C-alpha atoms as a PDB file:
ATOM      1  CA  MET A   1     -10.415  82.745  42.813  1.00  0.00           C
ATOM      2  CA  THR A   2     -12.363  82.509  39.585  1.00  0.00           C
ATOM      3  CA  SER A   3     -15.405  81.340  40.601  1.00  0.00           C
ATOM      4  CA  THR A   4     -18.165  81.903  43.407  1.00  0.00           C
ATOM      5  CA  PRO A   5     -18.707  79.113  45.402  1.00  0.00           C
ATOM      6  CA  GLN A   6     -22.439  77.004  45.314  1.00  0.00           C
ATOM      7  CA  GLN A   7     -25.186  78.629  47.511  1.00  0.00           C
ATOM      8  CA  ALA A   8     -24.524  77.615  51.042  1.00  0.00           C
ATOM      9  CA  THR A   9     -26.614  74.990  52.892  1.00  0.00           C
ATOM     10  CA  THR A  10     -23.972  74.168  56.068  1.00  0.00           C
ATOM     11  CA  PRO A  11     -22.082  76.227  57.929  1.00  0.00           C
ATOM     12  CA  GLY A  12     -19.031  75.094  56.369  1.00  0.00           C
ATOM     13  CA  ASP A  13     -20.553  76.156  53.122  1.00  0.00           C
ATOM     14  CA  VAL A  14     -21.488  79.649  54.649  1.00  0.00           C
ATOM     15  CA  TYR A  15     -17.923  80.216  56.055  1.00  0.00           C
ATOM     16  CA  ARG A  16     -16.187  78.953  52.788  1.00  0.00           C
ATOM     17  CA  ARG A  17     -18.899  81.410  51.036  1.00  0.00           C
ATOM     18  CA  VAL A  18     -18.042  84.563  52.904  1.00  0.00           C
ATOM     19  CA  ALA A  19     -14.323  83.413  53.660  1.00  0.00           C
ATOM     20  CA  TRP A  20     -13.979  83.182  49.540  1.00  0.00           C
ATOM     21  CA  ASN A  21     -15.527  86.440  48.978  1.00  0.00           C
ATOM     22  CA  VAL A  22     -13.246  88.503  51.944  1.00  0.00           C
ATOM     23  CA  GLN A  23     -10.488  86.970  50.642  1.00  0.00           C
ATOM     24  CA  GLN A  24     -11.011  88.623  47.590  1.00  0.00           C
ATOM     25  CA  VAL A  25      -9.846  92.258  49.406  1.00  0.00           C
ATOM     26  CA  ILE A  26      -7.598  90.580  52.188  1.00  0.00           C
ATOM     27  CA  GLN A  27      -5.204  88.307  50.415  1.00  0.00           C
ATOM     28  CA  GLY A  28      -2.955  85.974  51.739  1.00  0.00           C
ATOM     29  CA  LYS A  29      -4.412  86.143  55.536  1.00  0.00           C
ATOM     30  CA  PRO A  30      -6.419  83.019  55.450  1.00  0.00           C
ATOM     31  CA  GLU A  31      -5.821  82.374  58.923  1.00  0.00           C
ATOM     32  CA  VAL A  32      -7.190  85.621  59.809  1.00  0.00           C
ATOM     33  CA  VAL A  33     -10.011  85.581  57.915  1.00  0.00           C
ATOM     34  CA  ARG A  34     -11.257  82.195  59.224  1.00  0.00           C
ATOM     35  CA  LEU A  35     -11.039  83.540  63.322  1.00  0.00           C
ATOM     36  CA  ALA A  36     -12.882  86.889  62.089  1.00  0.00           C
ATOM     37  CA  ILE A  37     -15.778  84.490  60.527  1.00  0.00           C
ATOM     38  CA  ALA A  38     -15.698  81.901  63.696  1.00  0.00           C
ATOM     39  CA  CYS A  39     -16.364  85.000  65.622  1.00  0.00           C
ATOM     40  CA  LEU A  40     -19.309  86.079  63.355  1.00  0.00           C
ATOM     41  CA  PHE A  41     -20.756  82.482  63.798  1.00  0.00           C
ATOM     42  CA  ALA A  42     -20.479  82.744  67.412  1.00  0.00           C
ATOM     43  CA  GLU A  43     -21.855  86.199  67.625  1.00  0.00           C
ATOM     44  CA  GLY A  44     -18.780  87.470  69.864  1.00  0.00           C
ATOM     45  CA  HIS A  45     -17.179  90.706  69.088  1.00  0.00           C
ATOM     46  CA  LEU A  46     -14.110  90.872  67.433  1.00  0.00           C
ATOM     47  CA  LEU A  47     -10.949  93.633  68.181  1.00  0.00           C
ATOM     48  CA  VAL A  48      -8.389  94.007  65.313  1.00  0.00           C
ATOM     49  CA  GLU A  49      -5.083  95.204  66.821  1.00  0.00           C
ATOM     50  CA  ASP A  50      -2.303  96.111  64.315  1.00  0.00           C
ATOM     51  CA  VAL A  51      -0.326  99.014  63.397  1.00  0.00           C
ATOM     52  CA  PRO A  52      -1.642 101.169  60.630  1.00  0.00           C
ATOM     53  CA  GLY A  53      -1.405  99.957  57.080  1.00  0.00           C
ATOM     54  CA  LEU A  54      -2.413  96.728  57.171  1.00  0.00           C
ATOM     55  CA  GLY A  55      -6.003  96.275  56.335  1.00  0.00           C
ATOM     56  CA  LYS A  56      -7.871  96.293  60.215  1.00  0.00           C
ATOM     57  CA  THR A  57     -10.283  98.224  58.849  1.00  0.00           C
ATOM     58  CA  SER A  58     -10.658  96.614  55.359  1.00  0.00           C
ATOM     59  CA  LEU A  59     -11.211  92.925  57.331  1.00  0.00           C
ATOM     60  CA  ALA A  60     -14.110  94.950  59.008  1.00  0.00           C
ATOM     61  CA  ARG A  61     -15.693  96.448  56.370  1.00  0.00           C
ATOM     62  CA  SER A  62     -15.479  93.047  53.605  1.00  0.00           C
ATOM     63  CA  ILE A  63     -16.947  90.907  56.298  1.00  0.00           C
ATOM     64  CA  ALA A  64     -19.858  93.756  56.510  1.00  0.00           C
ATOM     65  CA  SER A  65     -20.178  93.684  52.961  1.00  0.00           C
ATOM     66  CA  SER A  66     -20.431  89.718  52.634  1.00  0.00           C
ATOM     67  CA  ILE A  67     -23.679  89.635  54.957  1.00  0.00           C
ATOM     68  CA  ASP A  68     -26.827  90.974  53.610  1.00  0.00           C
ATOM     69  CA  GLY A  69     -28.008  92.952  56.680  1.00  0.00           C
ATOM     70  CA  SER A  70     -27.314  96.484  58.044  1.00  0.00           C
ATOM     71  CA  TRP A  71     -23.775  97.953  59.139  1.00  0.00           C
ATOM     72  CA  ARG A  72     -22.161 100.915  60.206  1.00  0.00           C
ATOM     73  CA  ARG A  73     -18.605 102.396  61.011  1.00  0.00           C
ATOM     74  CA  ILE A  74     -18.360 104.396  64.046  1.00  0.00           C
ATOM     75  CA  GLN A  75     -15.218 106.843  63.637  1.00  0.00           C
ATOM     76  CA  PHE A  76     -13.844 106.821  67.490  1.00  0.00           C
ATOM     77  CA  THR A  77     -12.847 110.604  68.197  1.00  0.00           C
ATOM     78  CA  PRO A  78     -12.081 112.415  71.039  1.00  0.00           C
ATOM     79  CA  ASP A  79     -15.361 114.407  70.251  1.00  0.00           C
ATOM     80  CA  LEU A  80     -17.531 111.659  69.830  1.00  0.00           C
ATOM     81  CA  LEU A  81     -20.263 111.433  72.206  1.00  0.00           C
ATOM     82  CA  PRO A  82     -22.307 108.680  74.257  1.00  0.00           C
ATOM     83  CA  GLY A  83     -25.119 109.870  72.631  1.00  0.00           C
ATOM     84  CA  ASP A  84     -23.693 109.371  69.080  1.00  0.00           C
ATOM     85  CA  ILE A  85     -23.149 105.705  69.592  1.00  0.00           C
ATOM     86  CA  THR A  86     -26.476 104.533  71.838  1.00  0.00           C
ATOM     87  CA  GLY A  87     -28.995 107.357  70.290  1.00  0.00           C
ATOM     88  CA  VAL A  88     -30.534 110.305  72.062  1.00  0.00           C
ATOM     89  CA  MET A  89     -34.261 111.273  73.308  1.00  0.00           C
ATOM     90  CA  VAL A  90     -35.530 114.262  70.875  1.00  0.00           C
ATOM     91  CA  PHE A  91     -38.541 116.471  71.815  1.00  0.00           C
ATOM     92  CA  ASN A  92     -41.145 115.806  68.570  1.00  0.00           C
ATOM     93  CA  GLN A  93     -42.551 119.144  69.013  1.00  0.00           C
ATOM     94  CA  SER A  94     -45.690 118.037  66.592  1.00  0.00           C
ATOM     95  CA  ALA A  95     -46.557 115.042  68.566  1.00  0.00           C
ATOM     96  CA  ALA A  96     -45.535 116.951  71.972  1.00  0.00           C
ATOM     97  CA  ARG A  97     -43.513 113.886  72.977  1.00  0.00           C
ATOM     98  CA  PHE A  98     -40.029 112.656  73.192  1.00  0.00           C
ATOM     99  CA  GLU A  99     -39.099 109.885  70.719  1.00  0.00           C
ATOM    100  CA  PHE A 100     -35.937 107.777  70.458  1.00  0.00           C
ATOM    101  CA  HIS A 101     -33.701 108.564  67.616  1.00  0.00           C
ATOM    102  CA  PRO A 102     -31.529 105.157  67.670  1.00  0.00           C
ATOM    103  CA  GLY A 103     -27.176 105.887  67.258  1.00  0.00           C
ATOM    104  CA  GLY A 104     -24.822 104.064  65.205  1.00  0.00           C
ATOM    105  CA  ILE A 105     -24.976 101.142  67.338  1.00  0.00           C
ATOM    106  CA  PHE A 106     -28.324  99.632  65.799  1.00  0.00           C
ATOM    107  CA  SER A 107     -27.032  97.806  63.205  1.00  0.00           C
ATOM    108  CA  ASN A 108     -26.231  93.954  62.570  1.00  0.00           C
ATOM    109  CA  LEU A 109     -22.681  94.496  62.572  1.00  0.00           C
ATOM    110  CA  VAL A 110     -21.020  97.907  63.895  1.00  0.00           C
ATOM    111  CA  VAL A 111     -17.241  98.444  62.165  1.00  0.00           C
ATOM    112  CA  ALA A 112     -16.206 100.494  65.741  1.00  0.00           C
ATOM    113  CA  ASP A 113     -12.665 102.272  63.869  1.00  0.00           C
ATOM    114  CA  GLU A 114      -9.998 103.168  65.932  1.00  0.00           C
ATOM    115  CA  ILE A 115     -11.681 102.461  69.601  1.00  0.00           C
ATOM    116  CA  ASN A 116      -8.998 103.435  71.742  1.00  0.00           C
ATOM    117  CA  ARG A 117      -9.471 107.120  70.698  1.00  0.00           C
ATOM    118  CA  GLY A 118     -12.263 107.393  71.561  1.00  0.00           C
ATOM    119  CA  THR A 119     -12.863 109.143  75.643  1.00  0.00           C
ATOM    120  CA  PRO A 120     -13.536 106.477  78.683  1.00  0.00           C
ATOM    121  CA  LYS A 121     -16.860 108.169  78.881  1.00  0.00           C
ATOM    122  CA  THR A 122     -17.542 107.142  74.988  1.00  0.00           C
ATOM    123  CA  GLN A 123     -16.025 103.538  75.202  1.00  0.00           C
ATOM    124  CA  ALA A 124     -18.280 103.016  78.218  1.00  0.00           C
ATOM    125  CA  ALA A 125     -21.660 103.440  76.000  1.00  0.00           C
ATOM    126  CA  LEU A 126     -20.552 100.253  74.504  1.00  0.00           C
ATOM    127  CA  LEU A 127     -20.576  98.168  77.660  1.00  0.00           C
ATOM    128  CA  GLU A 128     -23.993  97.287  78.095  1.00  0.00           C
ATOM    129  CA  VAL A 129     -24.835  96.434  74.371  1.00  0.00           C
ATOM    130  CA  MET A 130     -22.322  94.190  74.046  1.00  0.00           C
ATOM    131  CA  GLU A 131     -22.831  92.348  76.635  1.00  0.00           C
ATOM    132  CA  GLU A 132     -26.598  92.179  76.739  1.00  0.00           C
ATOM    133  CA  ARG A 133     -27.673  93.364  73.301  1.00  0.00           C
ATOM    134  CA  ARG A 134     -29.768  96.080  74.146  1.00  0.00           C
ATOM    135  CA  VAL A 135     -29.234  99.799  75.042  1.00  0.00           C
ATOM    136  CA  THR A 136     -30.820 101.895  77.746  1.00  0.00           C
ATOM    137  CA  VAL A 137     -31.425 105.361  77.313  1.00  0.00           C
ATOM    138  CA  ASP A 138     -33.874 107.250  79.634  1.00  0.00           C
ATOM    139  CA  ALA A 139     -34.305 104.637  81.605  1.00  0.00           C
ATOM    140  CA  ILE A 140     -35.408 102.893  78.690  1.00  0.00           C
ATOM    141  CA  THR A 141     -34.518  99.556  76.895  1.00  0.00           C
ATOM    142  CA  HIS A 142     -33.842  99.243  72.880  1.00  0.00           C
ATOM    143  CA  ASP A 143     -33.103  95.652  71.597  1.00  0.00           C
ATOM    144  CA  VAL A 144     -30.290  96.215  68.801  1.00  0.00           C
ATOM    145  CA  PRO A 145     -30.915  93.699  65.949  1.00  0.00           C
ATOM    146  CA  ARG A 146     -29.677  90.037  65.496  1.00  0.00           C
ATOM    147  CA  PRO A 147     -27.270  88.801  65.455  1.00  0.00           C
ATOM    148  CA  PHE A 148     -25.486  91.585  66.654  1.00  0.00           C
ATOM    149  CA  MET A 149     -21.092  92.061  66.056  1.00  0.00           C
ATOM    150  CA  VAL A 150     -18.940  94.973  67.249  1.00  0.00           C
ATOM    151  CA  VAL A 151     -15.938  95.301  64.850  1.00  0.00           C
ATOM    152  CA  ALA A 152     -13.215  97.025  66.882  1.00  0.00           C
ATOM    153  CA  THR A 153      -9.721  98.194  65.510  1.00  0.00           C
ATOM    154  CA  GLN A 154      -7.147 100.126  67.310  1.00  0.00           C
ATOM    155  CA  ASN A 155      -3.311 100.920  66.966  1.00  0.00           C
ATOM    156  CA  PRO A 156      -1.403  99.751  70.016  1.00  0.00           C
ATOM    157  CA  ILE A 157       1.841 101.720  68.975  1.00  0.00           C
ATOM    158  CA  ASP A 158       0.294 104.962  68.721  1.00  0.00           C
ATOM    159  CA  MET A 159      -0.395 106.876  72.260  1.00  0.00           C
ATOM    160  CA  ASP A 160      -0.905 110.226  71.131  1.00  0.00           C
ATOM    161  CA  GLY A 161      -4.583 111.163  71.533  1.00  0.00           C
ATOM    162  CA  THR A 162      -5.382 107.910  72.551  1.00  0.00           C
ATOM    163  CA  TYR A 163      -7.032 106.303  75.839  1.00  0.00           C
ATOM    164  CA  ARG A 164      -6.270 102.583  76.668  1.00  0.00           C
ATOM    165  CA  LEU A 165      -9.248 100.214  76.374  1.00  0.00           C
ATOM    166  CA  PRO A 166     -10.196  99.397  80.688  1.00  0.00           C
ATOM    167  CA  GLU A 167     -10.230  95.214  81.352  1.00  0.00           C
ATOM    168  CA  ALA A 168     -14.165  95.457  81.478  1.00  0.00           C
ATOM    169  CA  GLN A 169     -14.178  96.575  77.627  1.00  0.00           C
ATOM    170  CA  LEU A 170     -11.204  94.040  76.393  1.00  0.00           C
ATOM    171  CA  ASP A 171     -13.226  90.887  78.266  1.00  0.00           C
ATOM    172  CA  ARG A 172     -16.609  91.794  76.019  1.00  0.00           C
ATOM    173  CA  PHE A 173     -14.195  90.817  73.211  1.00  0.00           C
ATOM    174  CA  LEU A 174     -14.535  87.179  72.048  1.00  0.00           C
ATOM    175  CA  MET A 175     -11.483  87.481  70.081  1.00  0.00           C
ATOM    176  CA  ARG A 176      -8.381  89.837  69.724  1.00  0.00           C
ATOM    177  CA  ILE A 177      -6.395  88.973  67.015  1.00  0.00           C
ATOM    178  CA  SER A 178      -3.613  91.093  64.548  1.00  0.00           C
ATOM    179  CA  VAL A 179      -3.660  90.715  60.885  1.00  0.00           C
ATOM    180  CA  GLY A 180       0.315  91.053  60.694  1.00  0.00           C
ATOM    181  CA  TYR A 181       2.353  91.595  57.493  1.00  0.00           C
ATOM    182  CA  PRO A 182       1.559  89.510  54.231  1.00  0.00           C
ATOM    183  CA  ASP A 183       4.169  87.671  52.584  1.00  0.00           C
ATOM    184  CA  ALA A 184       6.075  89.470  49.887  1.00  0.00           C
ATOM    185  CA  ASP A 185       3.731  87.692  46.937  1.00  0.00           C
ATOM    186  CA  ALA A 186       1.127  88.389  48.734  1.00  0.00           C
ATOM    187  CA  GLU A 187       2.095  92.259  48.755  1.00  0.00           C
ATOM    188  CA  ALA A 188       3.460  92.242  45.715  1.00  0.00           C
ATOM    189  CA  ARG A 189      -0.671  91.065  44.253  1.00  0.00           C
ATOM    190  CA  VAL A 190      -1.700  93.817  46.677  1.00  0.00           C
ATOM    191  CA  VAL A 191       0.282  96.401  44.893  1.00  0.00           C
ATOM    192  CA  LEU A 192      -0.276  95.141  41.434  1.00  0.00           C
ATOM    193  CA  GLY A 193      -4.325  95.225  42.173  1.00  0.00           C
ATOM    194  CA  GLU A 194      -4.094  98.852  43.959  1.00  0.00           C
ATOM    195  CA  GLY A 195      -6.828 100.621  41.974  1.00  0.00           C
ATOM    196  CA  ALA A 196      -8.307  97.216  39.760  1.00  0.00           C
ATOM    197  CA  GLY A 197      -8.817  94.987  42.540  1.00  0.00           C
ATOM    198  CA  PRO A 198     -12.136  95.073  44.538  1.00  0.00           C
ATOM    199  CA  THR A 199     -12.880  96.897  47.407  1.00  0.00           C
ATOM    200  CA  PRO A 200     -15.008  96.088  50.363  1.00  0.00           C
ATOM    201  CA  GLU A 201     -17.644  98.329  49.255  1.00  0.00           C
ATOM    202  CA  ASP A 202     -17.411  96.599  45.585  1.00  0.00           C
ATOM    203  CA  LEU A 203     -18.211  93.192  47.946  1.00  0.00           C
ATOM    204  CA  PRO A 204     -21.641  91.449  47.436  1.00  0.00           C
ATOM    205  CA  PRO A 205     -23.433  90.101  49.900  1.00  0.00           C
ATOM    206  CA  VAL A 206     -22.866  86.129  50.150  1.00  0.00           C
ATOM    207  CA  VAL A 207     -25.131  85.380  53.033  1.00  0.00           C
ATOM    208  CA  ASP A 208     -28.624  86.253  53.830  1.00  0.00           C
ATOM    209  CA  LEU A 209     -29.112  87.180  57.964  1.00  0.00           C
ATOM    210  CA  ALA A 210     -32.179  84.136  58.011  1.00  0.00           C
ATOM    211  CA  THR A 211     -29.306  81.581  57.645  1.00  0.00           C
ATOM    212  CA  LEU A 212     -26.636  83.526  59.381  1.00  0.00           C
ATOM    213  CA  ARG A 213     -28.910  83.452  62.037  1.00  0.00           C
ATOM    214  CA  ALA A 214     -29.835  79.484  61.824  1.00  0.00           C
ATOM    215  CA  VAL A 215     -25.898  79.027  61.907  1.00  0.00           C
ATOM    216  CA  VAL A 216     -25.633  81.185  64.906  1.00  0.00           C
ATOM    217  CA  ALA A 217     -28.485  78.834  66.089  1.00  0.00           C
ATOM    218  CA  GLN A 218     -26.800  75.861  65.189  1.00  0.00           C
ATOM    219  CA  VAL A 219     -23.251  76.829  66.685  1.00  0.00           C
ATOM    220  CA  ARG A 220     -24.981  77.277  69.790  1.00  0.00           C
ATOM    221  CA  THR A 221     -26.166  73.550  70.185  1.00  0.00           C
ATOM    222  CA  SER A 222     -22.661  72.144  69.332  1.00  0.00           C
ATOM    223  CA  HIS A 223     -22.209  68.995  71.593  1.00  0.00           C
ATOM    224  CA  VAL A 224     -20.193  69.985  74.167  1.00  0.00           C
ATOM    225  CA  ASP A 225     -18.373  67.047  76.319  1.00  0.00           C
ATOM    226  CA  PRO A 226     -17.789  67.597  79.983  1.00  0.00           C
ATOM    227  CA  GLN A 227     -13.996  66.677  79.991  1.00  0.00           C
ATOM    228  CA  ILE A 228     -14.171  69.658  76.856  1.00  0.00           C
ATOM    229  CA  ALA A 229     -15.800  72.320  79.405  1.00  0.00           C
ATOM    230  CA  ALA A 230     -13.397  71.364  82.100  1.00  0.00           C
ATOM    231  CA  TYR A 231     -10.043  71.603  80.066  1.00  0.00           C
ATOM    232  CA  ALA A 232     -11.339  74.726  79.467  1.00  0.00           C
ATOM    233  CA  VAL A 233     -12.212  75.787  82.599  1.00  0.00           C
ATOM    234  CA  ALA A 234      -8.528  73.884  83.263  1.00  0.00           C
ATOM    235  CA  LEU A 235      -6.756  76.729  80.849  1.00  0.00           C
ATOM    236  CA  ALA A 236      -8.526  79.735  82.212  1.00  0.00           C
ATOM    237  CA  SER A 237      -7.851  78.872  85.789  1.00  0.00           C
ATOM    238  CA  ALA A 238      -4.048  77.859  84.876  1.00  0.00           C
ATOM    239  CA  THR A 239      -4.106  81.674  83.761  1.00  0.00           C
ATOM    240  CA  ARG A 240      -5.153  82.963  87.340  1.00  0.00           C
ATOM    241  CA  ASP A 241      -2.411  80.952  88.848  1.00  0.00           C
ATOM    242  CA  ASP A 242       0.485  81.626  86.434  1.00  0.00           C
ATOM    243  CA  VAL A 243       3.749  83.395  88.279  1.00  0.00           C
ATOM    244  CA  ASP A 244       4.002  85.922  85.593  1.00  0.00           C
ATOM    245  CA  VAL A 245       0.200  86.824  85.936  1.00  0.00           C
ATOM    246  CA  ARG A 246      -1.220  89.594  88.272  1.00  0.00           C
ATOM    247  CA  LEU A 247      -4.652  89.322  86.386  1.00  0.00           C
ATOM    248  CA  GLY A 248      -5.327  86.085  84.729  1.00  0.00           C
ATOM    249  CA  ALA A 249      -8.894  85.465  82.503  1.00  0.00           C
ATOM    250  CA  SER A 250     -12.249  85.471  84.406  1.00  0.00           C
ATOM    251  CA  PRO A 251     -15.010  82.876  83.976  1.00  0.00           C
ATOM    252  CA  ARG A 252     -16.081  84.895  81.047  1.00  0.00           C
ATOM    253  CA  GLY A 253     -12.759  83.584  79.192  1.00  0.00           C
ATOM    254  CA  SER A 254     -13.549  80.033  79.865  1.00  0.00           C
ATOM    255  CA  ILE A 255     -17.142  80.712  78.594  1.00  0.00           C
ATOM    256  CA  ALA A 256     -15.603  82.458  75.569  1.00  0.00           C
ATOM    257  CA  LEU A 257     -13.003  79.468  75.012  1.00  0.00           C
ATOM    258  CA  VAL A 258     -16.166  77.274  74.451  1.00  0.00           C
ATOM    259  CA  LYS A 259     -18.109  79.281  72.728  1.00  0.00           C
ATOM    260  CA  ALA A 260     -15.254  79.728  70.278  1.00  0.00           C
ATOM    261  CA  ALA A 261     -14.803  76.087  69.987  1.00  0.00           C
ATOM    262  CA  ARG A 262     -18.176  75.416  68.912  1.00  0.00           C
ATOM    263  CA  ALA A 263     -17.893  78.276  66.096  1.00  0.00           C
ATOM    264  CA  VAL A 264     -14.388  76.721  64.725  1.00  0.00           C
ATOM    265  CA  ALA A 265     -16.138  73.288  65.135  1.00  0.00           C
ATOM    266  CA  ALA A 266     -19.044  74.909  62.512  1.00  0.00           C
ATOM    267  CA  LEU A 267     -16.788  75.580  60.403  1.00  0.00           C
ATOM    268  CA  GLY A 268     -15.182  72.186  59.297  1.00  0.00           C
ATOM    269  CA  ASP A 269     -19.194  71.067  59.449  1.00  0.00           C
ATOM    270  CA  ARG A 270     -18.660  69.007  62.614  1.00  0.00           C
ATOM    271  CA  ALA A 271     -21.500  69.429  65.275  1.00  0.00           C
ATOM    272  CA  TYR A 272     -19.376  68.627  68.352  1.00  0.00           C
ATOM    273  CA  VAL A 273     -16.427  70.318  70.224  1.00  0.00           C
ATOM    274  CA  THR A 274     -12.695  68.246  70.084  1.00  0.00           C
ATOM    275  CA  PRO A 275      -9.160  69.605  72.356  1.00  0.00           C
ATOM    276  CA  ASP A 276      -7.724  70.713  69.243  1.00  0.00           C
ATOM    277  CA  ASP A 277     -10.639  73.296  69.081  1.00  0.00           C
ATOM    278  CA  VAL A 278     -10.210  74.682  72.103  1.00  0.00           C
ATOM    279  CA  LYS A 279      -6.566  75.383  71.601  1.00  0.00           C
ATOM    280  CA  ASP A 280      -6.947  76.257  68.288  1.00  0.00           C
ATOM    281  CA  VAL A 281      -8.864  79.686  69.844  1.00  0.00           C
ATOM    282  CA  ALA A 282      -6.921  79.763  73.245  1.00  0.00           C
ATOM    283  CA  GLN A 283      -4.218  82.701  72.283  1.00  0.00           C
ATOM    284  CA  PRO A 284      -6.909  84.877  70.138  1.00  0.00           C
ATOM    285  CA  VAL A 285      -9.585  84.192  73.190  1.00  0.00           C
ATOM    286  CA  LEU A 286      -7.571  84.209  76.337  1.00  0.00           C
ATOM    287  CA  ALA A 287      -4.490  86.242  75.647  1.00  0.00           C
ATOM    288  CA  HIS A 288      -5.999  89.860  75.792  1.00  0.00           C
ATOM    289  CA  ARG A 289      -7.686  89.047  78.907  1.00  0.00           C
ATOM    290  CA  LEU A 290      -4.548  88.783  80.919  1.00  0.00           C
ATOM    291  CA  ILE A 291      -2.807  91.304  83.025  1.00  0.00           C
ATOM    292  CA  LEU A 292       0.886  90.737  83.313  1.00  0.00           C
ATOM    293  CA  THR A 293       3.189  91.519  86.536  1.00  0.00           C
ATOM    294  CA  PRO A 294       5.218  94.611  86.234  1.00  0.00           C
ATOM    295  CA  GLU A 295       8.422  92.554  86.684  1.00  0.00           C
ATOM    296  CA  ALA A 296       7.604  90.451  83.832  1.00  0.00           C
ATOM    297  CA  GLU A 297       6.638  92.698  81.445  1.00  0.00           C
ATOM    298  CA  ILE A 298      10.252  94.162  82.172  1.00  0.00           C
ATOM    299  CA  ARG A 299      11.765  90.352  81.560  1.00  0.00           C
ATOM    300  CA  GLY A 300       9.482  90.782  77.954  1.00  0.00           C
ATOM    301  CA  VAL A 301       7.393  88.267  78.754  1.00  0.00           C
ATOM    302  CA  SER A 302       4.055  88.683  76.794  1.00  0.00           C
ATOM    303  CA  PRO A 303       0.572  87.333  77.393  1.00  0.00           C
ATOM    304  CA  ALA A 304       1.026  85.007  74.400  1.00  0.00           C
ATOM    305  CA  ASP A 305       3.878  83.508  76.193  1.00  0.00           C
ATOM    306  CA  VAL A 306       1.767  82.453  78.918  1.00  0.00           C
ATOM    307  CA  ILE A 307      -0.744  80.840  77.270  1.00  0.00           C
ATOM    308  CA  THR A 308       1.986  78.832  75.187  1.00  0.00           C
ATOM    309  CA  ARG A 309       2.816  77.836  78.797  1.00  0.00           C
ATOM    310  CA  VAL A 310      -0.550  77.081  79.785  1.00  0.00           C
ATOM    311  CA  LEU A 311      -1.011  75.054  76.786  1.00  0.00           C
ATOM    312  CA  THR A 312       1.695  73.097  77.342  1.00  0.00           C
ATOM    313  CA  GLY A 313       1.282  72.627  80.934  1.00  0.00           C
ATOM    314  CA  THR A 314      -2.112  71.718  81.064  1.00  0.00           C
ATOM    315  CA  PRO A 315      -3.370  67.783  80.241  1.00  0.00           C
ATOM    316  CA  VAL A 316      -5.596  67.393  77.452  1.00  0.00           C
ATOM    317  CA  PRO A 317      -8.353  65.006  77.649  1.00  0.00           C
ATOM    318  CA  ARG A 318      -8.195  61.586  76.170  1.00  0.00           C
ATOM    319  CA  ALA A 319      -9.679  60.646  73.056  1.00  0.00           C
ATOM    320  CA  SER A 320     -13.363  59.031  73.600  1.00  0.00           C
ATOM    321  CA  SER A 321     -16.283  58.860  72.043  1.00  0.00           C
ATOM    322  CA  ARG A 322     -18.029  60.622  74.125  1.00  0.00           C
ATOM    323  CA  LEU A 323     -16.325  64.032  73.174  1.00  0.00           C
ATOM    324  CA  VAL A 324     -17.830  63.108  69.958  1.00  0.00           C
ATOM    325  CA  GLY A 325     -21.527  62.913  71.212  1.00  0.00           C
END
């Protein structure tokens, strides 16, 4: 990586430009970066879950720095209050009236660091804004800037001082991904570049908000054949009927599958969705929405195993000219 790509003009160009920028910091993880940017293009929310030291926060901050828009980091702790996130009404003595002071959520991209360290009451402050892109304080609604994305991180291993995310919260994340350990060569480059390579703060913005809004709008209008929509519904429905699943993916999961597949198609400058796009995002979109039976958990079955089984057992739509519009 020695030169910056040319000015972005299409969704694929925007993707390559942002990916090039982010990979200056997040090395050896192109698939992780690809899925994160797809989530951005879909204007969905991203949960990055992994053990400490693998670059979860760096990934979130690198994406934020790559956008010429507003972003804030909220460090979740047990003493964080809902008003710190949504904002509060403050009495202005000189004007003799209450005025709204926005909280940290009023940004284009919000990094919710270690989200599972916030109390359930504080976590619940995100439910409305993640779904409706607005905040209600004292019965008055306030819209957040668009596009809007929450990138949350959490450590699934450390249980002390943490609060498990409820299903309603998890269901609002379009994708859940893990960074994973780098390979030996990538880790060696990171070690050698420590202190010398760029940090998330060093990254310049490479896409303006107008361009990003245009990409988000284009993703929403990508062609989805009824066969593809039916395939997404069949995958989500199959999780509900699986013997190892106590609670399967809701209709929001079906919607999320198509939404994410549209974004993946846009990365390759395609204005139509294929069955492979749906299969590509099935794991990060559906796995975190499943609750397994106790018996399955005892046997060591994981949600990823269920999704793999569902993908294998669900018929794929046959190729047709209608699938490409």
